[in-house]
Protein backbone atom coordinates (compact mmCIF):
# COMPACT_ATOMS: atom_id res chain seq x y z
CA MET A 1 6.52 23.64 5.56
CA PRO A 2 6.46 22.66 1.84
CA PRO A 3 3.08 21.36 0.61
CA HIS A 4 4.31 17.78 0.07
CA GLN A 5 5.66 17.62 3.62
CA ALA A 6 2.40 18.97 5.02
CA ASP A 7 0.50 16.32 3.02
CA THR A 8 2.76 13.57 4.34
CA GLN A 9 2.33 14.73 7.94
CA GLU A 10 -1.45 14.87 7.58
CA LYS A 11 -1.58 11.35 6.14
CA ARG A 12 0.53 10.08 9.03
CA ARG A 13 -1.82 11.72 11.51
CA ALA A 14 -4.73 10.04 9.73
CA LEU A 15 -3.01 6.65 10.05
CA ARG A 16 -2.39 7.20 13.74
CA ARG A 17 -6.08 8.02 14.25
CA TYR A 18 -7.08 4.97 12.21
CA TYR A 19 -4.98 2.59 14.28
CA ARG A 20 -6.03 4.22 17.54
CA LEU A 21 -9.52 2.93 16.68
CA HIS A 22 -8.41 -0.47 15.34
CA ALA A 23 -5.49 -1.51 17.58
CA GLY A 24 -7.62 -3.44 20.07
CA VAL A 25 -9.39 -5.54 17.44
CA TYR A 26 -6.77 -5.64 14.68
CA ASP A 27 -5.77 -9.31 15.00
CA LEU A 28 -9.41 -10.41 15.23
CA THR A 29 -10.52 -8.52 12.12
CA ARG A 30 -7.59 -8.73 9.69
CA TRP A 31 -6.74 -12.44 9.64
CA SER A 32 -8.81 -13.09 6.48
CA PHE A 33 -7.07 -10.31 4.53
CA LEU A 34 -3.43 -10.66 5.48
CA ARG A 35 -2.56 -13.69 3.38
CA GLY A 36 0.91 -15.18 3.15
CA ARG A 37 2.44 -13.87 6.37
CA GLU A 38 3.23 -17.30 7.78
CA ALA A 39 4.43 -18.54 4.39
CA LEU A 40 6.90 -15.65 4.18
CA VAL A 41 8.28 -16.34 7.65
CA ARG A 42 8.65 -20.06 6.85
CA ARG A 43 10.62 -19.24 3.69
CA VAL A 44 12.90 -16.92 5.61
CA ALA A 45 13.48 -19.56 8.28
CA ALA A 46 14.37 -22.13 5.61
CA GLY A 47 17.17 -20.04 4.16
CA TYR A 48 18.46 -17.60 6.77
CA SER A 49 19.73 -17.48 10.35
CA PRO A 50 19.53 -13.78 11.21
CA ALA A 51 20.99 -12.48 14.46
CA ARG A 52 19.37 -9.01 14.18
CA ILE A 53 15.84 -8.64 12.83
CA LEU A 54 13.85 -5.48 12.12
CA GLU A 55 10.16 -5.58 11.31
CA VAL A 56 8.84 -2.40 9.70
CA GLY A 57 5.19 -1.74 10.49
CA CYS A 58 5.22 -4.41 13.20
CA GLY A 59 1.75 -3.47 14.40
CA THR A 60 0.50 -5.67 17.22
CA GLY A 61 3.62 -7.84 17.16
CA LYS A 62 2.12 -10.99 15.65
CA ASN A 63 4.97 -11.52 13.19
CA LEU A 64 7.62 -10.50 15.72
CA GLY A 65 6.38 -13.19 18.07
CA HIS A 66 6.58 -15.78 15.30
CA LEU A 67 10.07 -14.62 14.32
CA GLY A 68 11.14 -14.67 17.96
CA ARG A 69 10.10 -18.31 18.28
CA LEU A 70 11.78 -19.34 15.01
CA PHE A 71 15.02 -17.49 15.85
CA PRO A 72 15.41 -17.84 19.64
CA GLN A 73 18.87 -16.23 19.67
CA ALA A 74 18.00 -13.22 17.50
CA GLN A 75 17.68 -9.66 18.72
CA LEU A 76 14.36 -8.16 17.58
CA TRP A 77 13.39 -4.62 16.65
CA GLY A 78 9.85 -3.55 15.81
CA LEU A 79 9.03 -0.17 14.25
CA ASP A 80 5.56 1.28 13.85
CA LEU A 81 3.98 4.70 13.39
CA SER A 82 1.19 3.94 15.87
CA ALA A 83 1.79 4.13 19.62
CA ASP A 84 -1.50 2.28 20.14
CA MET A 85 -0.40 -0.70 18.03
CA LEU A 86 2.97 -0.76 19.79
CA GLY A 87 1.17 -0.78 23.14
CA VAL A 88 -0.59 -3.99 22.12
CA ALA A 89 2.70 -5.44 20.86
CA GLU A 90 4.51 -4.63 24.09
CA LYS A 91 1.96 -6.60 26.13
CA LYS A 92 1.83 -9.47 23.66
CA LEU A 93 5.61 -9.80 23.49
CA ALA A 94 6.35 -9.33 27.19
CA GLY A 95 8.13 -12.70 27.26
CA LEU A 96 10.60 -11.44 24.65
CA ALA A 97 11.29 -8.10 26.33
CA TYR A 98 14.91 -9.03 27.12
CA ARG A 99 15.73 -9.11 23.40
CA LEU A 100 13.10 -6.76 21.98
CA THR A 101 13.26 -3.06 21.09
CA LEU A 102 10.10 -1.23 19.96
CA VAL A 103 10.42 2.08 18.12
CA GLN A 104 7.61 4.53 17.32
CA ALA A 105 8.51 6.28 14.08
CA ALA A 106 7.84 6.52 10.37
CA TYR A 107 10.25 4.49 8.26
CA ASP A 108 11.57 7.38 6.21
CA ARG A 109 15.19 6.96 7.32
CA PRO A 110 17.35 4.07 8.54
CA VAL A 111 16.84 2.83 12.09
CA ALA A 112 20.57 2.17 12.53
CA GLU A 113 23.45 4.56 11.96
CA GLU A 114 25.19 2.00 9.73
CA PRO A 115 24.18 -1.25 7.94
CA PHE A 116 23.16 -3.45 10.84
CA PHE A 117 20.23 -5.82 10.32
CA ASP A 118 20.50 -9.33 8.89
CA LEU A 119 16.78 -9.35 8.09
CA VAL A 120 14.24 -6.59 7.47
CA VAL A 121 10.61 -7.74 7.30
CA CYS A 122 7.68 -5.73 5.92
CA SER A 123 4.29 -7.41 6.31
CA TYR A 124 1.38 -5.48 4.80
CA ALA A 125 3.03 -2.18 5.67
CA LEU A 126 4.45 -0.72 2.45
CA SER A 127 1.04 -0.54 0.72
CA MET A 128 0.01 1.92 3.45
CA PHE A 129 3.02 4.23 2.97
CA ASN A 130 1.44 6.68 0.53
CA PRO A 131 3.55 8.71 0.17
CA GLY A 132 6.59 7.07 1.70
CA TRP A 133 7.08 3.60 0.23
CA GLU A 134 10.06 4.66 -1.89
CA GLU A 135 11.74 6.25 1.13
CA ALA A 136 11.08 3.05 3.08
CA LEU A 137 12.81 0.92 0.43
CA LYS A 138 15.77 3.28 0.48
CA ALA A 139 15.92 3.09 4.27
CA ALA A 140 15.75 -0.73 4.17
CA GLY A 141 18.65 -0.83 1.74
CA GLN A 142 20.69 1.29 4.12
CA ASP A 143 19.68 -0.73 7.19
CA LEU A 144 20.63 -4.12 5.73
CA ALA A 145 24.04 -5.49 6.59
CA PRO A 146 26.06 -7.09 3.76
CA GLY A 147 24.37 -10.38 2.86
CA GLY A 148 21.19 -9.33 4.67
CA ALA A 149 17.71 -10.09 3.37
CA LEU A 150 14.55 -8.05 2.85
CA ALA A 151 11.35 -10.11 3.15
CA VAL A 152 8.03 -8.56 2.10
CA VAL A 153 4.44 -9.76 1.88
CA ASP A 154 1.82 -7.23 0.81
CA PHE A 155 -1.19 -6.43 -1.31
CA HIS A 156 -0.41 -6.29 -5.02
CA ASP A 157 -3.36 -5.31 -7.20
CA SER A 158 -7.07 -5.71 -7.95
CA ASN A 159 -9.20 -5.55 -11.09
CA SER A 160 -12.14 -4.22 -9.09
CA PRO A 161 -12.40 -0.40 -8.90
CA ILE A 162 -14.91 -0.76 -6.06
CA PHE A 163 -12.56 -2.92 -3.99
CA LYS A 164 -9.64 -0.58 -4.71
CA HIS A 165 -11.72 2.37 -3.55
CA TRP A 166 -12.76 0.56 -0.37
CA MET A 167 -9.16 -0.34 0.38
CA ALA A 168 -8.09 3.26 -0.26
CA LEU A 169 -10.56 4.33 2.43
CA ASN A 170 -8.55 2.03 4.70
CA HIS A 171 -5.29 3.71 3.61
CA VAL A 172 -4.18 0.84 1.34
CA ARG A 173 -2.94 1.44 -2.22
CA LEU A 174 -3.51 -1.42 -4.71
CA ASP A 175 -1.78 -0.40 -7.93
CA GLY A 176 0.80 -3.13 -8.53
CA HIS A 177 3.51 -0.57 -7.78
CA LEU A 178 5.43 -2.21 -4.96
CA LEU A 179 6.80 -5.36 -6.58
CA PRO A 180 8.47 -3.57 -9.53
CA GLY A 181 10.00 -1.11 -7.07
CA LEU A 182 11.38 -3.93 -4.94
CA LYS A 183 12.74 -5.82 -7.96
CA SER A 184 14.52 -2.73 -9.26
CA ARG A 185 16.28 -2.06 -5.96
CA PHE A 186 17.04 -5.50 -4.49
CA PRO A 187 18.46 -8.61 -6.18
CA HIS A 188 15.88 -11.28 -5.46
CA HIS A 189 15.38 -15.01 -5.44
CA GLU A 190 11.64 -14.98 -4.80
CA ALA A 191 9.00 -12.69 -6.23
CA THR A 192 5.65 -14.43 -6.58
CA ILE A 193 2.11 -13.10 -7.01
CA ARG A 194 -0.83 -15.06 -5.63
CA PRO A 195 -4.61 -14.59 -5.98
CA ALA A 196 -6.94 -14.10 -3.03
CA TYR A 197 -10.69 -14.57 -2.79
CA ALA A 198 -11.14 -15.96 -6.31
CA GLY A 199 -9.02 -13.19 -7.77
CA LEU A 200 -10.74 -10.22 -6.11
CA TRP A 201 -7.24 -9.07 -5.28
CA SER A 202 -3.71 -10.42 -5.37
CA TYR A 203 -0.80 -10.32 -2.96
CA PHE A 204 2.90 -11.01 -3.35
CA LEU A 205 5.83 -12.57 -1.55
CA PHE A 206 9.28 -11.10 -2.09
CA ILE A 207 12.67 -12.02 -0.66
CA GLY A 208 15.65 -9.98 -1.80
CA ARG A 209 19.24 -9.40 -0.83
CA ALA A 210 21.08 -6.25 0.11
CA ALA A 211 22.28 -4.65 -3.11
């Protein structure tokens, strides 16, 4: 196995171990960090009526549940690397099981064999794909049907080296790298950066179209 592939596999194993420990308490402990998730979903609901929705890094299913309520006719797919997080999501979303598909995998290739999804959502997932965020954007571009939308909310940057280091210990990269990558690949009508905790860090909202 080439060194870069071995490094990627080891980092994925580390993420699986991390979420094995955190899956049961994730929603209780992350609410103060994951800013803008509801705002992103509201913006999507105001401008789109997707019939097929994929959430990348769906975790415990919190966003999928919200999307399922906003779009009661939509078919839902949730993808996550962690079987433990998906186990929580499966229980939480039991009422949506008739229109829900959960997939355990890394997002390094399209989920569908051809452009299929009207909406791909990434909520605080891409900043943890290190390496892998560029492959994820490529996969999203291939998964989106013509006219489809990519909606992303995620960490952006921080001026504090200490906070960046602490976040890196939690597998999060804060280098301002995601938003330029998204802008270069997807035509967009929203790309905003917002401060959190008096500017300790910033996060962004992005909504783009299939290229």
